[in-house]
Amino acid sequence: MTEQNEFQSLQELLDRLQGISQNDEDVSVGEIIDMVGDRSYGPLLLISGLLTLAPIIGDIPGVPTILGAIVFLFSVQLLFGKEHFWLPKFLLERSVSGKKMNKGIEWLQSPARWIDKLLKPRLRLLVKDTAVYIIAFMCLMIASVMPIMELVPFSANAAGAALTVFGLALIARDGLLLVLALILTGVIAAIIINVL
């Protein structure tokens, strides 16, 4: 599957997310997917990672598990060659407070500006079409242990960091970021194995 490069920067993605969470109303998973598109694996992965990484959102009990289930389902569908992603209605209807989402986005704004300066196409051979399937498999593995990670302090946020870097690697076509994401995934796995 060819990755749709709908976002030119992390800042642009955050601005679009903030646009749908301006008021105090809840923002549903369905609304976020409508904003991104149901064929955009990189942005969907990036959003799931960012929401898990952001302390205000990712620390809400149950949120990492829900986001893990979403990443798991998207990854499985990508591995089976689906062109449009599907989620069951009960997941599409899950929501987060617009107020908390805005606070999380505000927390991410400064790092996003710094990260955007570093993003550029590098080692593009590593992020060709087949790499998307390798990334999907790695993210499927991360997503499958995210419910357990809720029991280990800060490990779900670390999983969010790995998902974020995988998503950024796809969007920016940055092979160096892909290598860093794989290393981060290995470190996370080692920490969890030692803790459990």
N, C-alpha and C. Protein backbone atom coordinates (compact mmCIF):
# COMPACT_ATOMS: atom_id res chain seq x y z
N MET A 1 0.85 -1.20 0.00
CA MET A 1 0.00 0.00 0.00
C MET A 1 0.88 1.24 0.00
N THR A 2 0.62 2.16 -0.88
CA THR A 2 1.37 3.41 -0.91
C THR A 2 0.81 4.35 0.14
N GLU A 3 1.69 4.87 0.96
CA GLU A 3 1.26 5.75 2.05
C GLU A 3 0.82 7.10 1.51
N GLN A 4 -0.33 7.54 1.93
CA GLN A 4 -0.80 8.86 1.52
C GLN A 4 -0.12 9.90 2.40
N ASN A 5 0.55 10.83 1.77
CA ASN A 5 1.27 11.86 2.52
C ASN A 5 0.38 13.09 2.63
N GLU A 6 -0.64 13.01 3.48
CA GLU A 6 -1.62 14.08 3.57
C GLU A 6 -1.15 15.22 4.44
N PHE A 7 -0.18 14.97 5.30
CA PHE A 7 0.30 15.99 6.21
C PHE A 7 1.76 16.28 5.90
N GLN A 8 2.06 17.56 5.79
CA GLN A 8 3.43 17.95 5.48
C GLN A 8 4.29 18.10 6.74
N SER A 9 3.64 18.19 7.89
CA SER A 9 4.38 18.37 9.14
C SER A 9 3.55 17.88 10.32
N LEU A 10 4.25 17.65 11.41
CA LEU A 10 3.58 17.28 12.66
C LEU A 10 2.73 18.43 13.15
N GLN A 11 3.22 19.65 12.98
CA GLN A 11 2.48 20.84 13.40
C GLN A 11 1.14 20.94 12.67
N GLU A 12 1.16 20.62 11.38
CA GLU A 12 -0.08 20.66 10.60
C GLU A 12 -1.09 19.65 11.13
N LEU A 13 -0.61 18.46 11.48
CA LEU A 13 -1.50 17.44 12.04
C LEU A 13 -2.10 17.91 13.36
N LEU A 14 -1.26 18.49 14.24
CA LEU A 14 -1.76 18.99 15.53
C LEU A 14 -2.78 20.11 15.34
N ASP A 15 -2.52 20.98 14.36
CA ASP A 15 -3.47 22.06 14.08
C ASP A 15 -4.82 21.51 13.64
N ARG A 16 -4.78 20.46 12.81
CA ARG A 16 -6.04 19.85 12.34
C ARG A 16 -6.77 19.18 13.51
N LEU A 17 -6.01 18.53 14.39
CA LEU A 17 -6.63 17.91 15.57
C LEU A 17 -7.24 18.97 16.48
N GLN A 18 -6.52 20.07 16.64
CA GLN A 18 -7.03 21.14 17.49
C GLN A 18 -8.29 21.75 16.90
N GLY A 19 -8.37 21.75 15.57
CA GLY A 19 -9.55 22.28 14.90
C GLY A 19 -10.82 21.53 15.23
N ILE A 20 -10.70 20.21 15.50
CA ILE A 20 -11.91 19.45 15.82
C ILE A 20 -12.14 19.33 17.33
N SER A 21 -11.25 19.94 18.13
CA SER A 21 -11.42 19.85 19.58
C SER A 21 -11.45 21.24 20.22
N GLN A 22 -11.96 22.23 19.49
CA GLN A 22 -11.94 23.61 19.97
C GLN A 22 -12.89 23.85 21.14
N ASN A 23 -14.00 23.15 21.16
CA ASN A 23 -14.94 23.40 22.26
C ASN A 23 -14.80 22.32 23.32
N ASP A 24 -15.64 22.36 24.31
CA ASP A 24 -15.55 21.41 25.42
C ASP A 24 -16.24 20.08 25.13
N GLU A 25 -16.80 19.93 23.93
CA GLU A 25 -17.48 18.67 23.60
C GLU A 25 -16.46 17.56 23.38
N ASP A 26 -16.92 16.33 23.59
CA ASP A 26 -16.06 15.17 23.37
C ASP A 26 -15.73 15.02 21.90
N VAL A 27 -14.54 14.48 21.63
CA VAL A 27 -14.11 14.21 20.26
C VAL A 27 -14.05 12.69 20.11
N SER A 28 -14.78 12.15 19.14
CA SER A 28 -14.84 10.69 18.98
C SER A 28 -13.75 10.19 18.06
N VAL A 29 -13.46 8.90 18.17
CA VAL A 29 -12.50 8.25 17.29
C VAL A 29 -12.96 8.39 15.84
N GLY A 30 -14.26 8.26 15.61
CA GLY A 30 -14.81 8.40 14.27
C GLY A 30 -14.53 9.76 13.66
N GLU A 31 -14.64 10.83 14.47
CA GLU A 31 -14.37 12.18 13.98
C GLU A 31 -12.90 12.34 13.59
N ILE A 32 -12.02 11.74 14.38
CA ILE A 32 -10.58 11.82 14.08
C ILE A 32 -10.27 11.09 12.78
N ILE A 33 -10.86 9.91 12.60
CA ILE A 33 -10.62 9.14 11.37
C ILE A 33 -11.19 9.87 10.16
N ASP A 34 -12.36 10.50 10.32
CA ASP A 34 -12.93 11.30 9.22
C ASP A 34 -11.99 12.42 8.82
N MET A 35 -11.34 13.03 9.81
CA MET A 35 -10.42 14.14 9.55
C MET A 35 -9.18 13.66 8.79
N VAL A 36 -8.69 12.47 9.12
CA VAL A 36 -7.47 11.95 8.51
C VAL A 36 -7.74 11.21 7.21
N GLY A 37 -8.84 10.46 7.18
CA GLY A 37 -9.11 9.59 6.03
C GLY A 37 -8.87 8.15 6.41
N ASP A 38 -9.66 7.24 5.87
CA ASP A 38 -9.58 5.84 6.28
C ASP A 38 -8.59 5.02 5.45
N ARG A 39 -7.71 5.70 4.70
CA ARG A 39 -6.67 4.99 3.96
C ARG A 39 -5.27 5.42 4.40
N SER A 40 -5.19 6.30 5.38
CA SER A 40 -3.92 6.93 5.74
C SER A 40 -3.30 6.27 6.96
N TYR A 41 -2.53 5.21 6.73
CA TYR A 41 -1.97 4.46 7.86
C TYR A 41 -1.00 5.30 8.68
N GLY A 42 -0.08 6.03 8.01
CA GLY A 42 0.91 6.83 8.74
C GLY A 42 0.28 7.85 9.67
N PRO A 43 -0.62 8.72 9.16
CA PRO A 43 -1.26 9.69 10.05
C PRO A 43 -2.10 9.05 11.16
N LEU A 44 -2.80 7.95 10.85
CA LEU A 44 -3.60 7.27 11.89
C LEU A 44 -2.69 6.70 12.98
N LEU A 45 -1.56 6.16 12.57
CA LEU A 45 -0.58 5.64 13.51
C LEU A 45 0.02 6.77 14.34
N LEU A 46 0.33 7.87 13.68
CA LEU A 46 0.90 9.02 14.37
C LEU A 46 -0.07 9.58 15.40
N ILE A 47 -1.33 9.71 15.04
CA ILE A 47 -2.33 10.24 15.98
C ILE A 47 -2.48 9.31 17.18
N SER A 48 -2.55 8.01 16.94
CA SER A 48 -2.66 7.05 18.05
C SER A 48 -1.46 7.16 18.97
N GLY A 49 -0.28 7.30 18.38
CA GLY A 49 0.93 7.44 19.18
C GLY A 49 0.94 8.73 19.99
N LEU A 50 0.57 9.84 19.34
CA LEU A 50 0.56 11.13 20.03
C LEU A 50 -0.42 11.15 21.20
N LEU A 51 -1.61 10.57 20.99
CA LEU A 51 -2.61 10.55 22.06
C LEU A 51 -2.16 9.68 23.23
N THR A 52 -1.41 8.62 22.94
CA THR A 52 -0.89 7.76 24.01
C THR A 52 0.29 8.42 24.71
N LEU A 53 1.09 9.15 23.94
CA LEU A 53 2.29 9.80 24.47
C LEU A 53 1.94 11.00 25.34
N ALA A 54 0.95 11.78 24.94
CA ALA A 54 0.59 13.00 25.68
C ALA A 54 0.15 12.64 27.10
N PRO A 55 0.82 13.19 28.13
CA PRO A 55 0.51 12.81 29.52
C PRO A 55 -0.94 13.00 29.92
N ILE A 56 -1.55 14.09 29.50
CA ILE A 56 -2.91 14.41 29.94
C ILE A 56 -3.92 13.42 29.36
N ILE A 57 -3.67 12.96 28.14
CA ILE A 57 -4.60 12.03 27.49
C ILE A 57 -4.19 10.58 27.74
N GLY A 58 -2.91 10.28 27.48
CA GLY A 58 -2.43 8.90 27.58
C GLY A 58 -2.47 8.31 28.98
N ASP A 59 -2.54 9.18 30.00
CA ASP A 59 -2.58 8.69 31.38
C ASP A 59 -4.00 8.41 31.88
N ILE A 60 -5.00 8.68 31.05
CA ILE A 60 -6.38 8.35 31.44
C ILE A 60 -6.53 6.83 31.38
N PRO A 61 -6.95 6.21 32.48
CA PRO A 61 -7.08 4.75 32.47
C PRO A 61 -7.96 4.26 31.33
N GLY A 62 -7.49 3.27 30.62
CA GLY A 62 -8.25 2.69 29.51
C GLY A 62 -7.90 3.27 28.15
N VAL A 63 -7.39 4.50 28.11
CA VAL A 63 -7.08 5.12 26.81
C VAL A 63 -5.99 4.36 26.06
N PRO A 64 -4.86 3.99 26.70
CA PRO A 64 -3.85 3.22 25.97
C PRO A 64 -4.39 1.88 25.43
N THR A 65 -5.27 1.24 26.18
CA THR A 65 -5.86 -0.02 25.73
C THR A 65 -6.73 0.19 24.50
N ILE A 66 -7.55 1.24 24.51
CA ILE A 66 -8.42 1.53 23.36
C ILE A 66 -7.58 1.88 22.14
N LEU A 67 -6.57 2.74 22.33
CA LEU A 67 -5.71 3.12 21.21
C LEU A 67 -4.91 1.93 20.71
N GLY A 68 -4.50 1.05 21.64
CA GLY A 68 -3.81 -0.18 21.24
C GLY A 68 -4.71 -1.06 20.39
N ALA A 69 -5.99 -1.17 20.77
CA ALA A 69 -6.94 -1.97 19.98
C ALA A 69 -7.11 -1.39 18.58
N ILE A 70 -7.15 -0.06 18.50
CA ILE A 70 -7.31 0.61 17.19
C ILE A 70 -6.09 0.34 16.31
N VAL A 71 -4.89 0.52 16.87
CA VAL A 71 -3.66 0.28 16.10
C VAL A 71 -3.58 -1.19 15.69
N PHE A 72 -3.97 -2.09 16.59
CA PHE A 72 -3.96 -3.52 16.29
C PHE A 72 -4.85 -3.82 15.08
N LEU A 73 -6.09 -3.31 15.11
CA LEU A 73 -7.03 -3.57 14.01
C LEU A 73 -6.56 -2.96 12.70
N PHE A 74 -6.05 -1.73 12.75
CA PHE A 74 -5.53 -1.09 11.53
C PHE A 74 -4.36 -1.89 10.95
N SER A 75 -3.46 -2.33 11.85
CA SER A 75 -2.27 -3.05 11.40
C SER A 75 -2.63 -4.39 10.77
N VAL A 76 -3.55 -5.11 11.39
CA VAL A 76 -4.00 -6.39 10.82
C VAL A 76 -4.60 -6.18 9.44
N GLN A 77 -5.45 -5.17 9.32
CA GLN A 77 -6.09 -4.90 8.02
C GLN A 77 -5.07 -4.52 6.96
N LEU A 78 -4.06 -3.74 7.34
CA LEU A 78 -3.02 -3.37 6.38
C LEU A 78 -2.24 -4.61 5.94
N LEU A 79 -1.92 -5.48 6.89
CA LEU A 79 -1.18 -6.70 6.56
C LEU A 79 -1.97 -7.61 5.64
N PHE A 80 -3.29 -7.54 5.70
CA PHE A 80 -4.15 -8.34 4.82
C PHE A 80 -4.51 -7.60 3.52
N GLY A 81 -3.89 -6.44 3.31
CA GLY A 81 -4.05 -5.73 2.04
C GLY A 81 -5.31 -4.91 1.89
N LYS A 82 -5.98 -4.58 3.00
CA LYS A 82 -7.18 -3.74 2.91
C LYS A 82 -6.81 -2.32 2.52
N GLU A 83 -7.57 -1.72 1.62
CA GLU A 83 -7.29 -0.36 1.19
C GLU A 83 -7.99 0.68 2.05
N HIS A 84 -9.12 0.29 2.65
CA HIS A 84 -9.85 1.19 3.55
C HIS A 84 -9.92 0.52 4.91
N PHE A 85 -9.59 1.27 5.96
CA PHE A 85 -9.61 0.71 7.29
C PHE A 85 -11.02 0.75 7.88
N TRP A 86 -11.32 -0.24 8.68
CA TRP A 86 -12.64 -0.36 9.30
C TRP A 86 -12.45 -0.56 10.79
N LEU A 87 -13.33 0.06 11.57
CA LEU A 87 -13.37 -0.17 13.01
C LEU A 87 -14.81 -0.45 13.41
N PRO A 88 -15.01 -1.31 14.42
CA PRO A 88 -16.37 -1.55 14.89
C PRO A 88 -16.96 -0.28 15.50
N LYS A 89 -18.28 -0.21 15.47
CA LYS A 89 -18.99 1.00 15.92
C LYS A 89 -18.64 1.39 17.35
N PHE A 90 -18.47 0.40 18.23
CA PHE A 90 -18.21 0.74 19.64
C PHE A 90 -16.86 1.44 19.80
N LEU A 91 -15.90 1.17 18.92
CA LEU A 91 -14.62 1.88 18.98
C LEU A 91 -14.72 3.26 18.33
N LEU A 92 -15.47 3.35 17.23
CA LEU A 92 -15.66 4.64 16.55
C LEU A 92 -16.35 5.64 17.47
N GLU A 93 -17.20 5.13 18.36
CA GLU A 93 -17.96 6.01 19.26
C GLU A 93 -17.20 6.38 20.52
N ARG A 94 -16.07 5.73 20.77
CA ARG A 94 -15.27 6.08 21.95
C ARG A 94 -14.78 7.50 21.78
N SER A 95 -14.70 8.24 22.87
CA SER A 95 -14.32 9.65 22.74
C SER A 95 -13.43 10.10 23.89
N VAL A 96 -12.82 11.24 23.68
CA VAL A 96 -12.00 11.88 24.70
C VAL A 96 -12.51 13.31 24.85
N SER A 97 -12.40 13.84 26.03
CA SER A 97 -12.84 15.21 26.28
C SER A 97 -12.08 16.19 25.39
N GLY A 98 -12.82 17.08 24.72
CA GLY A 98 -12.19 18.09 23.88
C GLY A 98 -11.23 18.97 24.68
N LYS A 99 -11.59 19.23 25.94
CA LYS A 99 -10.75 20.06 26.80
C LYS A 99 -9.42 19.37 27.09
N LYS A 100 -9.49 18.06 27.42
CA LYS A 100 -8.26 17.32 27.71
C LYS A 100 -7.43 17.15 26.44
N MET A 101 -8.11 16.95 25.32
CA MET A 101 -7.39 16.80 24.07
C MET A 101 -6.64 18.08 23.72
N ASN A 102 -7.29 19.22 23.93
CA ASN A 102 -6.63 20.50 23.67
C ASN A 102 -5.42 20.71 24.56
N LYS A 103 -5.53 20.32 25.83
CA LYS A 103 -4.39 20.45 26.75
C LYS A 103 -3.24 19.57 26.30
N GLY A 104 -3.57 18.34 25.87
CA GLY A 104 -2.55 17.43 25.37
C GLY A 104 -1.86 17.98 24.12
N ILE A 105 -2.66 18.57 23.23
CA ILE A 105 -2.11 19.14 21.99
C ILE A 105 -1.21 20.33 22.32
N GLU A 106 -1.63 21.16 23.27
CA GLU A 106 -0.81 22.31 23.68
C GLU A 106 0.53 21.83 24.25
N TRP A 107 0.51 20.74 25.00
CA TRP A 107 1.74 20.18 25.56
C TRP A 107 2.68 19.72 24.45
N LEU A 108 2.11 19.26 23.32
CA LEU A 108 2.91 18.73 22.22
C LEU A 108 3.38 19.80 21.23
N GLN A 109 2.84 21.02 21.31
CA GLN A 109 3.13 22.05 20.31
C GLN A 109 4.62 22.39 20.22
N SER A 110 5.27 22.67 21.34
CA SER A 110 6.69 23.05 21.30
C SER A 110 7.57 21.92 20.76
N PRO A 111 7.41 20.68 21.28
CA PRO A 111 8.21 19.59 20.70
C PRO A 111 7.94 19.40 19.21
N ALA A 112 6.69 19.62 18.78
CA ALA A 112 6.33 19.43 17.37
C ALA A 112 7.09 20.38 16.47
N ARG A 113 7.22 21.63 16.90
CA ARG A 113 7.96 22.61 16.09
C ARG A 113 9.42 22.21 15.96
N TRP A 114 9.98 21.69 17.04
CA TRP A 114 11.39 21.26 17.02
C TRP A 114 11.56 20.02 16.14
N ILE A 115 10.63 19.07 16.28
CA ILE A 115 10.69 17.83 15.50
C ILE A 115 10.54 18.12 14.01
N ASP A 116 9.63 19.03 13.66
CA ASP A 116 9.41 19.36 12.25
C ASP A 116 10.68 19.86 11.57
N LYS A 117 11.54 20.55 12.32
CA LYS A 117 12.79 21.05 11.74
C LYS A 117 13.74 19.90 11.39
N LEU A 118 13.59 18.78 12.10
CA LEU A 118 14.48 17.64 11.88
C LEU A 118 13.97 16.68 10.80
N LEU A 119 12.67 16.74 10.51
CA LEU A 119 12.08 15.79 9.57
C LEU A 119 12.47 16.10 8.14
N LYS A 120 12.91 15.07 7.43
CA LYS A 120 13.18 15.20 6.00
C LYS A 120 13.35 13.81 5.42
N PRO A 121 13.12 13.66 4.12
CA PRO A 121 13.32 12.35 3.50
C PRO A 121 14.79 11.94 3.59
N ARG A 122 15.05 10.79 4.22
CA ARG A 122 16.40 10.25 4.35
C ARG A 122 16.32 8.74 4.24
N LEU A 123 17.35 8.13 3.70
CA LEU A 123 17.40 6.67 3.58
C LEU A 123 16.06 6.14 3.08
N ARG A 124 15.56 6.73 2.02
CA ARG A 124 14.20 6.43 1.52
C ARG A 124 14.02 4.96 1.17
N LEU A 125 15.10 4.29 0.85
CA LEU A 125 15.02 2.87 0.52
C LEU A 125 14.41 2.07 1.67
N LEU A 126 14.65 2.54 2.90
CA LEU A 126 14.14 1.85 4.09
C LEU A 126 12.65 2.05 4.31
N VAL A 127 12.05 3.06 3.65
CA VAL A 127 10.62 3.31 3.84
C VAL A 127 9.84 3.17 2.54
N LYS A 128 10.31 2.29 1.68
CA LYS A 128 9.55 1.96 0.47
C LYS A 128 8.29 1.20 0.87
N ASP A 129 7.45 0.89 -0.12
CA ASP A 129 6.14 0.28 0.15
C ASP A 129 6.21 -0.95 1.07
N THR A 130 7.19 -1.84 0.85
CA THR A 130 7.26 -3.05 1.67
C THR A 130 7.54 -2.74 3.13
N ALA A 131 8.22 -1.61 3.39
CA ALA A 131 8.52 -1.23 4.78
C ALA A 131 7.25 -0.95 5.56
N VAL A 132 6.20 -0.50 4.87
CA VAL A 132 4.93 -0.23 5.56
C VAL A 132 4.42 -1.50 6.24
N TYR A 133 4.63 -2.64 5.60
CA TYR A 133 4.16 -3.91 6.17
C TYR A 133 5.02 -4.32 7.37
N ILE A 134 6.30 -4.03 7.32
CA ILE A 134 7.18 -4.31 8.46
C ILE A 134 6.77 -3.44 9.64
N ILE A 135 6.52 -2.16 9.35
CA ILE A 135 6.07 -1.23 10.39
C ILE A 135 4.73 -1.70 10.97
N ALA A 136 3.82 -2.13 10.10
CA ALA A 136 2.51 -2.60 10.57
C ALA A 136 2.68 -3.80 11.51
N PHE A 137 3.59 -4.70 11.18
CA PHE A 137 3.82 -5.87 12.04
C PHE A 137 4.38 -5.44 13.39
N MET A 138 5.36 -4.53 13.38
CA MET A 138 5.95 -4.06 14.64
C MET A 138 4.90 -3.35 15.49
N CYS A 139 4.07 -2.52 14.85
CA CYS A 139 3.03 -1.80 15.59
C CYS A 139 1.96 -2.74 16.13
N LEU A 140 1.70 -3.81 15.38
CA LEU A 140 0.76 -4.82 15.86
C LEU A 140 1.29 -5.46 17.14
N MET A 141 2.60 -5.73 17.18
CA MET A 141 3.21 -6.30 18.38
C MET A 141 3.12 -5.32 19.56
N ILE A 142 3.41 -4.05 19.29
CA ILE A 142 3.31 -3.04 20.36
C ILE A 142 1.88 -2.94 20.86
N ALA A 143 0.94 -2.85 19.92
CA ALA A 143 -0.48 -2.70 20.29
C ALA A 143 -0.99 -3.87 21.11
N SER A 144 -0.49 -5.06 20.82
CA SER A 144 -0.99 -6.26 21.52
C SER A 144 -0.59 -6.28 22.99
N VAL A 145 0.47 -5.54 23.37
CA VAL A 145 0.87 -5.53 24.79
C VAL A 145 0.50 -4.21 25.50
N MET A 146 -0.14 -3.31 24.79
CA MET A 146 -0.49 -2.03 25.43
C MET A 146 -1.44 -2.16 26.63
N PRO A 147 -2.38 -3.11 26.62
CA PRO A 147 -3.20 -3.27 27.84
C PRO A 147 -2.35 -3.64 29.06
N ILE A 148 -1.32 -4.48 28.88
CA ILE A 148 -0.43 -4.85 29.99
C ILE A 148 0.39 -3.65 30.41
N MET A 149 0.77 -2.80 29.44
CA MET A 149 1.60 -1.64 29.74
C MET A 149 0.92 -0.66 30.68
N GLU A 150 -0.40 -0.69 30.71
CA GLU A 150 -1.11 0.22 31.63
C GLU A 150 -0.76 -0.10 33.09
N LEU A 151 -0.30 -1.33 33.34
CA LEU A 151 0.05 -1.74 34.70
C LEU A 151 1.46 -1.31 35.08
N VAL A 152 2.29 -0.98 34.08
CA VAL A 152 3.68 -0.57 34.31
C VAL A 152 3.78 0.94 34.10
N PRO A 153 4.09 1.71 35.15
CA PRO A 153 4.10 3.17 35.03
C PRO A 153 4.95 3.66 33.85
N PHE A 154 4.38 4.56 33.09
CA PHE A 154 5.02 5.26 31.96
C PHE A 154 5.33 4.38 30.75
N SER A 155 5.11 3.07 30.84
CA SER A 155 5.45 2.23 29.68
C SER A 155 4.48 2.46 28.53
N ALA A 156 3.21 2.77 28.82
CA ALA A 156 2.25 3.06 27.75
C ALA A 156 2.65 4.33 27.01
N ASN A 157 3.16 5.33 27.76
CA ASN A 157 3.65 6.55 27.12
C ASN A 157 4.84 6.24 26.21
N ALA A 158 5.69 5.31 26.65
CA ALA A 158 6.83 4.90 25.83
C ALA A 158 6.36 4.21 24.55
N ALA A 159 5.31 3.39 24.68
CA ALA A 159 4.73 2.75 23.50
C ALA A 159 4.19 3.81 22.55
N GLY A 160 3.56 4.84 23.13
CA GLY A 160 3.08 5.96 22.32
C GLY A 160 4.21 6.64 21.57
N ALA A 161 5.37 6.77 22.22
CA ALA A 161 6.53 7.38 21.58
C ALA A 161 6.97 6.54 20.37
N ALA A 162 6.99 5.21 20.54
CA ALA A 162 7.39 4.33 19.43
C ALA A 162 6.41 4.44 18.27
N LEU A 163 5.11 4.41 18.57
CA LEU A 163 4.09 4.54 17.52
C LEU A 163 4.22 5.88 16.81
N THR A 164 4.50 6.93 17.58
CA THR A 164 4.67 8.27 17.01
C THR A 164 5.83 8.30 16.02
N VAL A 165 6.95 7.70 16.42
CA VAL A 165 8.13 7.73 15.55
C VAL A 165 7.90 6.89 14.30
N PHE A 166 7.21 5.76 14.43
CA PHE A 166 6.86 4.96 13.24
C PHE A 166 5.98 5.78 12.29
N GLY A 167 4.99 6.48 12.86
CA GLY A 167 4.10 7.29 12.04
C GLY A 167 4.84 8.42 11.34
N LEU A 168 5.74 9.08 12.08
CA LEU A 168 6.54 10.16 11.49
C LEU A 168 7.44 9.63 10.37
N ALA A 169 8.02 8.44 10.58
CA ALA A 169 8.89 7.85 9.56
C ALA A 169 8.13 7.65 8.26
N LEU A 170 6.88 7.19 8.37
CA LEU A 170 6.07 6.98 7.17
C LEU A 170 5.70 8.29 6.49
N ILE A 171 5.26 9.26 7.28
CA ILE A 171 4.81 10.53 6.71
C ILE A 171 5.96 11.29 6.06
N ALA A 172 7.12 11.32 6.74
CA ALA A 172 8.26 12.08 6.24
C ALA A 172 9.13 11.27 5.27
N ARG A 173 8.81 9.98 5.11
CA ARG A 173 9.66 9.10 4.29
C ARG A 173 11.10 9.14 4.80
N ASP A 174 11.22 9.00 6.13
CA ASP A 174 12.51 9.14 6.79
C ASP A 174 12.98 7.78 7.32
N GLY A 175 13.91 7.16 6.59
CA GLY A 175 14.42 5.86 6.99
C GLY A 175 15.19 5.89 8.29
N LEU A 176 15.84 7.03 8.58
CA LEU A 176 16.58 7.15 9.83
C LEU A 176 15.62 7.07 11.02
N LEU A 177 14.46 7.72 10.88
CA LEU A 177 13.45 7.63 11.95
C LEU A 177 12.95 6.20 12.12
N LEU A 178 12.84 5.47 11.02
CA LEU A 178 12.41 4.08 11.10
C LEU A 178 13.40 3.27 11.93
N VAL A 179 14.69 3.48 11.68
CA VAL A 179 15.73 2.78 12.45
C VAL A 179 15.61 3.14 13.93
N LEU A 180 15.42 4.43 14.23
CA LEU A 180 15.27 4.87 15.62
C LEU A 180 14.03 4.25 16.27
N ALA A 181 12.94 4.14 15.51
CA ALA A 181 11.70 3.54 16.04
C ALA A 181 11.92 2.06 16.37
N LEU A 182 12.66 1.36 15.53
CA LEU A 182 12.95 -0.05 15.79
C LEU A 182 13.81 -0.21 17.04
N ILE A 183 14.79 0.68 17.21
CA ILE A 183 15.63 0.64 18.41
C ILE A 183 14.80 0.93 19.65
N LEU A 184 13.94 1.97 19.57
CA LEU A 184 13.07 2.33 20.69
C LEU A 184 12.14 1.17 21.05
N THR A 185 11.62 0.49 20.06
CA THR A 185 10.75 -0.66 20.31
C THR A 185 11.50 -1.76 21.05
N GLY A 186 12.75 -1.99 20.65
CA GLY A 186 13.58 -3.00 21.33
C GLY A 186 13.84 -2.63 22.78
N VAL A 187 14.11 -1.35 23.03
CA VAL A 187 14.37 -0.88 24.40
C VAL A 187 13.11 -1.04 25.25
N ILE A 188 11.97 -0.67 24.71
CA ILE A 188 10.70 -0.79 25.43
C ILE A 188 10.44 -2.25 25.78
N ALA A 189 10.65 -3.13 24.81
CA ALA A 189 10.43 -4.57 25.03
C ALA A 189 11.31 -5.08 26.14
N ALA A 190 12.58 -4.67 26.15
CA ALA A 190 13.52 -5.11 27.19
C ALA A 190 13.09 -4.62 28.57
N ILE A 191 12.64 -3.36 28.65
CA ILE A 191 12.21 -2.80 29.93
C ILE A 191 11.01 -3.56 30.47
N ILE A 192 10.03 -3.82 29.59
CA ILE A 192 8.80 -4.50 30.03
C ILE A 192 9.10 -5.93 30.47
N ILE A 193 9.97 -6.61 29.74
CA ILE A 193 10.34 -7.99 30.11
C ILE A 193 11.01 -7.99 31.48
N ASN A 194 11.88 -7.01 31.74
CA ASN A 194 12.56 -6.94 33.04
C ASN A 194 11.59 -6.63 34.17
N VAL A 195 10.64 -5.72 33.90
CA VAL A 195 9.68 -5.33 34.94
C VAL A 195 8.72 -6.46 35.26
N LEU A 196 8.25 -7.16 34.21
CA LEU A 196 7.29 -8.24 34.42
C LEU A 196 8.01 -9.51 34.82
